[in-house]
Amino acid sequence: MLIPLIVACALFMENLDSSVVSTSLPQIALDLGVDPISLKLAFTSYLISVAVFLPISGWVADRFGARTIFRLAIMVFVTGSVLCGLSSSLEGFVAARVVQGAGGAMMVPVGRLVMLRSVKKSDYLRAMSWLTVPAMIGPVLGPPLGGFITTYFEWRWIFWINIPISVVGLILVSIFIQNYKEENLPPLDTRGFILSGIGLAGFVFGIAASGIGVLPSWIDIALIIVGAASLYGYGRHALRTPEPLMDLSLFRLPTFRVSVLGGLLFRIGVGAIPFLLPLMLQLGFGMSPFESGMLTFATAAGAVLMKFTAPRIVRAWGFRMVLMVNTLFTTVFLLAIVSFTKNTPHAAIFTVLLIGGFFRSLQFTALNGLAFAEIDNRRMSHATSISSVGQQISAALGVAVGAAALEITRSMRGDMAVLPGDFVPAFLALAVIGLLCIPIYARMSPSAGAEVSGHRAQAAE
């Protein structure tokens, strides 16, 4: 089990780093001399970079060797981490996060590929359990660790601690992992990669950059237009080419279509929470980064608790009912954040975030299970790519929408201060967007995805 442990450590670094930044945003903004809301670009740039490079990660690993690409992914990720720690401007920080995202995009799927090709099939389940550890523990440790380092040391160390971990990882990968390759690969859909990359990056980054003055407004508009045109061009290209980068014909499958489109709206609705909540607790309520982190990790802790109960809930009620009803539960706990004040007991805040994280994790688990209900093995990699890209883009759009609502509220007041009441319209807007997914779920058959959930089989007994 040494190889799964090596891969799990690399994935832990990526999962930890993606969650550790949120708690440090106010202090990073202060040191860089920028408006805290403008740091939404640090969130969205990372997510966009992951979305752009995810679809080609499996192909390049098969073409150039899994060990080669896994080492490259670690080196790119740690390079981005070092550049983040050295950044002295918003532009430099955003660029460094793009580099980090490119490394993270390759690290996760290639690491999983390395593990599956390195262990016997009889050890798959035991090996896969190692990969669930970083996904569960990283987001739990990230906020308090980031808050502790930012409060008692300096925020730059949240990136520099990746250096020794990466060095050890590179040594172990070089020694113990073989350079697996695949023969007779289909050619890379280069045109599709260019169109989808320009489309995703231009459209989402243009939306995220709008209204904060980082770029002239005409450039923001041009990015959105060029991005939308490129996405349209990719859609036409993907339906004509025999081996597209992402097979859009999968959207003809009802369960996959509902999972991606409904999940897009739901994740936009909750995607801004890691960005908005630390800002509200620190800038609005005056908490230290460490105090904030010790509360916001409750969301990830709730998600961990749900992992043990989600399959039974979906089996008992089916995907359609769970997704519709659980959307309402999730929205209730999202709106409960609006009731927080400076005087709200920390135990009450922690409880709301814990239960909210519990229900959000149930939704994510159900959406992920539903996505692959009708997918055959031949198209599984395409489904994984589209689903993963959708998750990254929806989270980026959620941050952009939440930050835009916060900025509009503040500008209407006429000053640059961030007050607790400024967050209310942002959370309300996100809640409304999240609720829009319910009509999509309602169109599903009650037995949709039953072969995965086991719901129909149980009802027949």
Foldseek 3Di string as FASTA:
>chain_A
DVLLLLLLLLLLLLLQLLQQVLLCQVVVCVQLVAFSLLCLLLNLLLLLLLLLQQLCLVVVCQAFFLLVLLLVLLVQLLQLLLQCLVDNHSVSNSVSSSSNSNSSSNSVVSSVVQQVVPDDPVCVVVSVVSNVVSVQVSNLPNQLVSLVCVQPPNNSVSSVVSVVSSVVSNVCSVPPTDGHHDPPDDDAPVLLSVLQSLQSCLQLSLLLNPPRPPDPVVSSVVSNVSNPVSVVVSVVVLVPDPDHSANPVLCVDLLQVLLLVLVLLQCLLVLQCSNPQSCCCCQALPDGSNLSSVQLSLLSVLLVVLVVPLLVVCQAQNLLVLLQVLLVVLLVLLLVVLVDHNPDDSVVSSVSSNNSSNSVSSNVVSSVLSNCLPPDPVCPSSSVSSNSSSNSSSSSSSSSQLSVQLVVLVVVVPDSGRHNNSNNRSSVVSSVSSNVSSVSSVPDDSCRSCVRSVNVVVVVD
